[in-house]
């Protein structure tokens, strides 16, 4: 499973509904990755770090949009 970096520009073009859907997907991906790391099915520990960074990018854009709408 190759990791594709989330680009902030693309995130900013999404509406809140799409962002919330992507947030749920990322949470599930991170959970699955942690499970695979614990059970030794995966040895690429860097993938979890990249997913966490994408998640942080996503949350940043979500918070920017919330602040802009209030």
PDB file of N, CA and C in Angstrom:
ATOM      1  N   UNK A   1       0.842  -1.173   0.000  1.00  0.00           N
ATOM      2  CA  UNK A   1       0.000   0.000   0.000  1.00  0.00           C
ATOM      3  C   UNK A   1       0.891   1.241   0.000  1.00  0.00           C
ATOM      4  N   UNK A   2       0.938   1.933  -1.107  1.00  0.00           N
ATOM      5  CA  UNK A   2       1.759   3.126  -1.228  1.00  0.00           C
ATOM      6  C   UNK A   2       1.034   4.300  -0.569  1.00  0.00           C
ATOM      7  N   UNK A   3       1.826   5.150   0.020  1.00  0.00           N
ATOM      8  CA  UNK A   3       1.255   6.307   0.707  1.00  0.00           C
ATOM      9  C   UNK A   3       1.324   7.506  -0.218  1.00  0.00           C
ATOM     10  N   UNK A   4       0.206   8.184  -0.401  1.00  0.00           N
ATOM     11  CA  UNK A   4       0.161   9.392  -1.216  1.00  0.00           C
ATOM     12  C   UNK A   4      -0.052  10.580  -0.288  1.00  0.00           C
ATOM     13  N   UNK A   5       0.905  11.479  -0.288  1.00  0.00           N
ATOM     14  CA  UNK A   5       0.860  12.637   0.597  1.00  0.00           C
ATOM     15  C   UNK A   5      -0.332  13.529   0.260  1.00  0.00           C
ATOM     16  N   UNK A   6      -1.032  13.954   1.291  1.00  0.00           N
ATOM     17  CA  UNK A   6      -2.134  14.900   1.099  1.00  0.00           C
ATOM     18  C   UNK A   6      -1.539  16.291   0.900  1.00  0.00           C
ATOM     19  N   UNK A   7      -1.964  16.944  -0.152  1.00  0.00           N
ATOM     20  CA  UNK A   7      -1.463  18.281  -0.436  1.00  0.00           C
ATOM     21  C   UNK A   7      -2.451  19.285   0.149  1.00  0.00           C
ATOM     22  N   UNK A   8      -1.919  20.238   0.886  1.00  0.00           N
ATOM     23  CA  UNK A   8      -2.754  21.221   1.571  1.00  0.00           C
ATOM     24  C   UNK A   8      -3.628  21.983   0.581  1.00  0.00           C
ATOM     25  N   UNK A   9      -3.110  22.266  -0.591  1.00  0.00           N
ATOM     26  CA  UNK A   9      -3.891  22.998  -1.594  1.00  0.00           C
ATOM     27  C   UNK A   9      -5.150  22.222  -1.972  1.00  0.00           C
ATOM     28  N   UNK A  10      -5.009  20.912  -2.158  1.00  0.00           N
ATOM     29  CA  UNK A  10      -6.174  20.084  -2.501  1.00  0.00           C
ATOM     30  C   UNK A  10      -7.150  20.017  -1.329  1.00  0.00           C
ATOM     31  N   UNK A  11      -6.622  19.965  -0.108  1.00  0.00           N
ATOM     32  CA  UNK A  11      -7.489  19.915   1.065  1.00  0.00           C
ATOM     33  C   UNK A  11      -8.320  21.186   1.180  1.00  0.00           C
ATOM     34  N   UNK A  12      -7.692  22.320   0.893  1.00  0.00           N
ATOM     35  CA  UNK A  12      -8.409  23.593   1.008  1.00  0.00           C
ATOM     36  C   UNK A  12      -9.529  23.715  -0.029  1.00  0.00           C
ATOM     37  N   UNK A  13      -9.423  22.973  -1.126  1.00  0.00           N
ATOM     38  CA  UNK A  13     -10.461  23.007  -2.154  1.00  0.00           C
ATOM     39  C   UNK A  13     -11.667  22.143  -1.785  1.00  0.00           C
ATOM     40  N   UNK A  14     -11.496  21.234  -0.823  1.00  0.00           N
ATOM     41  CA  UNK A  14     -12.588  20.347  -0.411  1.00  0.00           C
ATOM     42  C   UNK A  14     -13.575  21.088   0.484  1.00  0.00           C
ATOM     43  N   UNK A  15     -14.831  20.641   0.471  1.00  0.00           N
ATOM     44  CA  UNK A  15     -15.790  21.219   1.412  1.00  0.00           C
ATOM     45  C   UNK A  15     -15.725  20.424   2.730  1.00  0.00           C
ATOM     46  N   UNK A  16     -16.432  20.913   3.730  1.00  0.00           N
ATOM     47  CA  UNK A  16     -16.347  20.321   5.072  1.00  0.00           C
ATOM     48  C   UNK A  16     -16.782  18.860   5.090  1.00  0.00           C
ATOM     49  N   UNK A  17     -17.788  18.523   4.294  1.00  0.00           N
ATOM     50  CA  UNK A  17     -18.279  17.142   4.268  1.00  0.00           C
ATOM     51  C   UNK A  17     -17.189  16.188   3.752  1.00  0.00           C
ATOM     52  N   UNK A  18     -16.504  16.608   2.695  1.00  0.00           N
ATOM     53  CA  UNK A  18     -15.412  15.791   2.154  1.00  0.00           C
ATOM     54  C   UNK A  18     -14.265  15.671   3.159  1.00  0.00           C
ATOM     55  N   UNK A  19     -13.976  16.775   3.848  1.00  0.00           N
ATOM     56  CA  UNK A  19     -12.901  16.758   4.838  1.00  0.00           C
ATOM     57  C   UNK A  19     -13.229  15.814   5.992  1.00  0.00           C
ATOM     58  N   UNK A  20     -14.479  15.837   6.443  1.00  0.00           N
ATOM     59  CA  UNK A  20     -14.876  14.952   7.538  1.00  0.00           C
ATOM     60  C   UNK A  20     -14.804  13.487   7.102  1.00  0.00           C
ATOM     61  N   UNK A  21     -15.173  13.216   5.863  1.00  0.00           N
ATOM     62  CA  UNK A  21     -15.074  11.856   5.329  1.00  0.00           C
ATOM     63  C   UNK A  21     -13.615  11.413   5.257  1.00  0.00           C
ATOM     64  N   UNK A  22     -12.758  12.293   4.766  1.00  0.00           N
ATOM     65  CA  UNK A  22     -11.321  11.978   4.678  1.00  0.00           C
ATOM     66  C   UNK A  22     -10.718  11.793   6.068  1.00  0.00           C
ATOM     67  N   UNK A  23     -11.189  12.569   7.044  1.00  0.00           N
ATOM     68  CA  UNK A  23     -10.706  12.446   8.409  1.00  0.00           C
ATOM     69  C   UNK A  23     -11.022  11.059   8.959  1.00  0.00           C
ATOM     70  N   UNK A  24     -12.236  10.593   8.736  1.00  0.00           N
ATOM     71  CA  UNK A  24     -12.618   9.260   9.197  1.00  0.00           C
ATOM     72  C   UNK A  24     -11.779   8.181   8.508  1.00  0.00           C
ATOM     73  N   UNK A  25     -11.523   8.355   7.211  1.00  0.00           N
ATOM     74  CA  UNK A  25     -10.693   7.397   6.477  1.00  0.00           C
ATOM     75  C   UNK A  25      -9.277   7.348   7.038  1.00  0.00           C
ATOM     76  N   UNK A  26      -8.713   8.521   7.322  1.00  0.00           N
ATOM     77  CA  UNK A  26      -7.354   8.573   7.862  1.00  0.00           C
ATOM     78  C   UNK A  26      -7.275   7.940   9.248  1.00  0.00           C
ATOM     79  N   UNK A  27      -8.297   8.181  10.068  1.00  0.00           N
ATOM     80  CA  UNK A  27      -8.310   7.568  11.400  1.00  0.00           C
ATOM     81  C   UNK A  27      -8.314   6.047  11.293  1.00  0.00           C
ATOM     82  N   UNK A  28      -9.096   5.516  10.357  1.00  0.00           N
ATOM     83  CA  UNK A  28      -9.150   4.070  10.162  1.00  0.00           C
ATOM     84  C   UNK A  28      -7.818   3.548   9.627  1.00  0.00           C
ATOM     85  N   UNK A  29      -7.225   4.269   8.667  1.00  0.00           N
ATOM     86  CA  UNK A  29      -5.930   3.861   8.125  1.00  0.00           C
ATOM     87  C   UNK A  29      -4.864   3.822   9.214  1.00  0.00           C
ATOM     88  N   UNK A  30      -4.848   4.846  10.084  1.00  0.00           N
ATOM     89  CA  UNK A  30      -3.852   4.879  11.160  1.00  0.00           C
ATOM     90  C   UNK A  30      -4.068   3.729  12.130  1.00  0.00           C
ATOM     91  N   UNK A  31      -5.311   3.443  12.450  1.00  0.00           N
ATOM     92  CA  UNK A  31      -5.617   2.330  13.344  1.00  0.00           C
ATOM     93  C   UNK A  31      -5.129   1.018  12.738  1.00  0.00           C
ATOM     94  N   UNK A  32      -5.458   0.813  11.453  1.00  0.00           N
ATOM     95  CA  UNK A  32      -5.040  -0.412  10.772  1.00  0.00           C
ATOM     96  C   UNK A  32      -3.519  -0.529  10.715  1.00  0.00           C
ATOM     97  N   UNK A  33      -2.852   0.573  10.448  1.00  0.00           N
ATOM     98  CA  UNK A  33      -1.388   0.561  10.388  1.00  0.00           C
ATOM     99  C   UNK A  33      -0.799   0.210  11.753  1.00  0.00           C
ATOM    100  N   UNK A  34      -1.354   0.797  12.817  1.00  0.00           N
ATOM    101  CA  UNK A  34      -0.860   0.469  14.169  1.00  0.00           C
ATOM    102  C   UNK A  34      -1.052  -1.009  14.468  1.00  0.00           C
ATOM    103  N   UNK A  35      -2.193  -1.554  14.065  1.00  0.00           N
ATOM    104  CA  UNK A  35      -2.449  -2.977  14.301  1.00  0.00           C
ATOM    105  C   UNK A  35      -1.452  -3.850  13.542  1.00  0.00           C
ATOM    106  N   UNK A  36      -1.181  -3.495  12.291  1.00  0.00           N
ATOM    107  CA  UNK A  36      -0.225  -4.273  11.496  1.00  0.00           C
ATOM    108  C   UNK A  36       1.183  -4.177  12.075  1.00  0.00           C
ATOM    109  N   UNK A  37       1.546  -3.012  12.612  1.00  0.00           N
ATOM    110  CA  UNK A  37       2.870  -2.861  13.220  1.00  0.00           C
ATOM    111  C   UNK A  37       2.989  -3.717  14.483  1.00  0.00           C
ATOM    112  N   UNK A  38       1.931  -3.731  15.297  1.00  0.00           N
ATOM    113  CA  UNK A  38       1.956  -4.500  16.544  1.00  0.00           C
ATOM    114  C   UNK A  38       2.018  -6.000  16.263  1.00  0.00           C
ATOM    115  N   UNK A  39       1.309  -6.439  15.240  1.00  0.00           N
ATOM    116  CA  UNK A  39       1.280  -7.870  14.933  1.00  0.00           C
ATOM    117  C   UNK A  39       2.417  -8.281  13.994  1.00  0.00           C
ATOM    118  N   UNK A  40       3.319  -7.351  13.709  1.00  0.00           N
ATOM    119  CA  UNK A  40       4.501  -7.603  12.874  1.00  0.00           C
ATOM    120  C   UNK A  40       4.160  -7.964  11.430  1.00  0.00           C
ATOM    121  N   UNK A  41       2.974  -7.598  10.972  1.00  0.00           N
ATOM    122  CA  UNK A  41       2.611  -7.818   9.574  1.00  0.00           C
ATOM    123  C   UNK A  41       3.250  -6.766   8.684  1.00  0.00           C
ATOM    124  N   UNK A  42       3.712  -5.695   9.295  1.00  0.00           N
ATOM    125  CA  UNK A  42       4.314  -4.593   8.554  1.00  0.00           C
ATOM    126  C   UNK A  42       5.529  -4.108   9.324  1.00  0.00           C
ATOM    127  N   UNK A  43       6.607  -3.799   8.596  1.00  0.00           N
ATOM    128  CA  UNK A  43       7.784  -3.293   9.296  1.00  0.00           C
ATOM    129  C   UNK A  43       8.069  -1.835   8.951  1.00  0.00           C
ATOM    130  N   UNK A  44       7.300  -1.234   8.084  1.00  0.00           N
ATOM    131  CA  UNK A  44       7.527   0.145   7.683  1.00  0.00           C
ATOM    132  C   UNK A  44       6.906   1.095   8.709  1.00  0.00           C
ATOM    133  N   UNK A  45       7.688   1.447   9.718  1.00  0.00           N
ATOM    134  CA  UNK A  45       7.181   2.329  10.772  1.00  0.00           C
ATOM    135  C   UNK A  45       7.018   3.762  10.282  1.00  0.00           C
ATOM    136  N   UNK A  46       7.690   4.116   9.206  1.00  0.00           N
ATOM    137  CA  UNK A  46       7.597   5.481   8.672  1.00  0.00           C
ATOM    138  C   UNK A  46       6.205   5.775   8.131  1.00  0.00           C
ATOM    139  N   UNK A  47       5.496   4.745   7.700  1.00  0.00           N
ATOM    140  CA  UNK A  47       4.160   4.969   7.128  1.00  0.00           C
ATOM    141  C   UNK A  47       3.217   5.594   8.157  1.00  0.00           C
ATOM    142  N   UNK A  48       3.288   5.150   9.393  1.00  0.00           N
ATOM    143  CA  UNK A  48       2.430   5.716  10.432  1.00  0.00           C
ATOM    144  C   UNK A  48       2.762   7.188  10.645  1.00  0.00           C
ATOM    145  N   UNK A  49       4.040   7.522  10.621  1.00  0.00           N
ATOM    146  CA  UNK A  49       4.447   8.916  10.792  1.00  0.00           C
ATOM    147  C   UNK A  49       3.884   9.777   9.661  1.00  0.00           C
ATOM    148  N   UNK A  50       3.946   9.285   8.438  1.00  0.00           N
ATOM    149  CA  UNK A  50       3.408  10.033   7.296  1.00  0.00           C
ATOM    150  C   UNK A  50       1.899  10.203   7.416  1.00  0.00           C
ATOM    151  N   UNK A  51       1.219   9.174   7.889  1.00  0.00           N
ATOM    152  CA  UNK A  51      -0.231   9.269   8.068  1.00  0.00           C
ATOM    153  C   UNK A  51      -0.577  10.284   9.150  1.00  0.00           C
ATOM    154  N   UNK A  52       0.203  10.308  10.219  1.00  0.00           N
ATOM    155  CA  UNK A  52      -0.050  11.289  11.289  1.00  0.00           C
ATOM    156  C   UNK A  52       0.137  12.711  10.777  1.00  0.00           C
ATOM    157  N   UNK A  53       1.132  12.903   9.929  1.00  0.00           N
ATOM    158  CA  UNK A  53       1.363  14.235   9.369  1.00  0.00           C
ATOM    159  C   UNK A  53       0.225  14.653   8.451  1.00  0.00           C
ATOM    160  N   UNK A  54      -0.270  13.712   7.634  1.00  0.00           N
ATOM    161  CA  UNK A  54      -1.427  14.007   6.782  1.00  0.00           C
ATOM    162  C   UNK A  54      -2.640  14.359   7.632  1.00  0.00           C
ATOM    163  N   UNK A  55      -2.820  13.626   8.726  1.00  0.00           N
ATOM    164  CA  UNK A  55      -3.938  13.870   9.632  1.00  0.00           C
ATOM    165  C   UNK A  55      -3.824  15.276  10.230  1.00  0.00           C
ATOM    166  N   UNK A  56      -2.621  15.668  10.613  1.00  0.00           N
ATOM    167  CA  UNK A  56      -2.410  17.009  11.168  1.00  0.00           C
ATOM    168  C   UNK A  56      -2.704  18.076  10.116  1.00  0.00           C
ATOM    169  N   UNK A  57      -2.267  17.839   8.870  1.00  0.00           N
ATOM    170  CA  UNK A  57      -2.575  18.778   7.788  1.00  0.00           C
ATOM    171  C   UNK A  57      -4.079  18.934   7.614  1.00  0.00           C
ATOM    172  N   UNK A  58      -4.764  17.803   7.626  1.00  0.00           N
ATOM    173  CA  UNK A  58      -6.215  17.798   7.464  1.00  0.00           C
ATOM    174  C   UNK A  58      -6.891  18.587   8.592  1.00  0.00           C
ATOM    175  N   UNK A  59      -6.481  18.324   9.828  1.00  0.00           N
ATOM    176  CA  UNK A  59      -7.088  19.031  10.959  1.00  0.00           C
ATOM    177  C   UNK A  59      -6.803  20.529  10.902  1.00  0.00           C
ATOM    178  N   UNK A  60      -5.641  20.906  10.411  1.00  0.00           N
ATOM    179  CA  UNK A  60      -5.305  22.323  10.259  1.00  0.00           C
ATOM    180  C   UNK A  60      -6.271  22.995   9.299  1.00  0.00           C
ATOM    181  N   UNK A  61      -6.528  22.360   8.171  1.00  0.00           N
ATOM    182  CA  UNK A  61      -7.442  22.928   7.185  1.00  0.00           C
ATOM    183  C   UNK A  61      -8.865  22.969   7.742  1.00  0.00           C
ATOM    184  N   UNK A  62      -9.288  21.929   8.447  1.00  0.00           N
ATOM    185  CA  UNK A  62     -10.612  21.916   9.051  1.00  0.00           C
ATOM    186  C   UNK A  62     -10.759  23.088  10.024  1.00  0.00           C
ATOM    187  N   UNK A  63      -9.760  23.305  10.866  1.00  0.00           N
ATOM    188  CA  UNK A  63      -9.828  24.397  11.826  1.00  0.00           C
ATOM    189  C   UNK A  63      -9.807  25.757  11.133  1.00  0.00           C
ATOM    190  N   UNK A  64      -9.036  25.893  10.052  1.00  0.00           N
ATOM    191  CA  UNK A  64      -9.033  27.147   9.293  1.00  0.00           C
ATOM    192  C   UNK A  64     -10.432  27.432   8.744  1.00  0.00           C
ATOM    193  N   UNK A  65     -11.063  26.413   8.196  1.00  0.00           N
ATOM    194  CA  UNK A  65     -12.404  26.600   7.625  1.00  0.00           C
ATOM    195  C   UNK A  65     -13.427  26.930   8.711  1.00  0.00           C
ATOM    196  N   UNK A  66     -13.311  26.295   9.876  1.00  0.00           N
ATOM    197  CA  UNK A  66     -14.238  26.582  10.968  1.00  0.00           C
ATOM    198  C   UNK A  66     -14.071  28.020  11.433  1.00  0.00           C
ATOM    199  N   UNK A  67     -12.828  28.488  11.560  1.00  0.00           N
ATOM    200  CA  UNK A  67     -12.587  29.857  11.994  1.00  0.00           C
ATOM    201  C   UNK A  67     -13.092  30.857  10.962  1.00  0.00           C
ATOM    202  N   UNK A  68     -12.921  30.534   9.693  1.00  0.00           N
ATOM    203  CA  UNK A  68     -13.345  31.441   8.623  1.00  0.00           C
ATOM    204  C   UNK A  68     -14.868  31.561   8.563  1.00  0.00           C
ATOM    205  N   UNK A  69     -15.573  30.471   8.899  1.00  0.00           N
ATOM    206  CA  UNK A  69     -17.030  30.501   8.806  1.00  0.00           C
ATOM    207  C   UNK A  69     -17.685  31.126  10.032  1.00  0.00           C
ATOM    208  N   UNK A  70     -16.953  31.271  11.113  1.00  0.00           N
ATOM    209  CA  UNK A  70     -17.569  31.858  12.326  1.00  0.00           C
ATOM    210  C   UNK A  70     -17.327  33.333  12.450  1.00  0.00           C
TER     211      UNK A  70
END
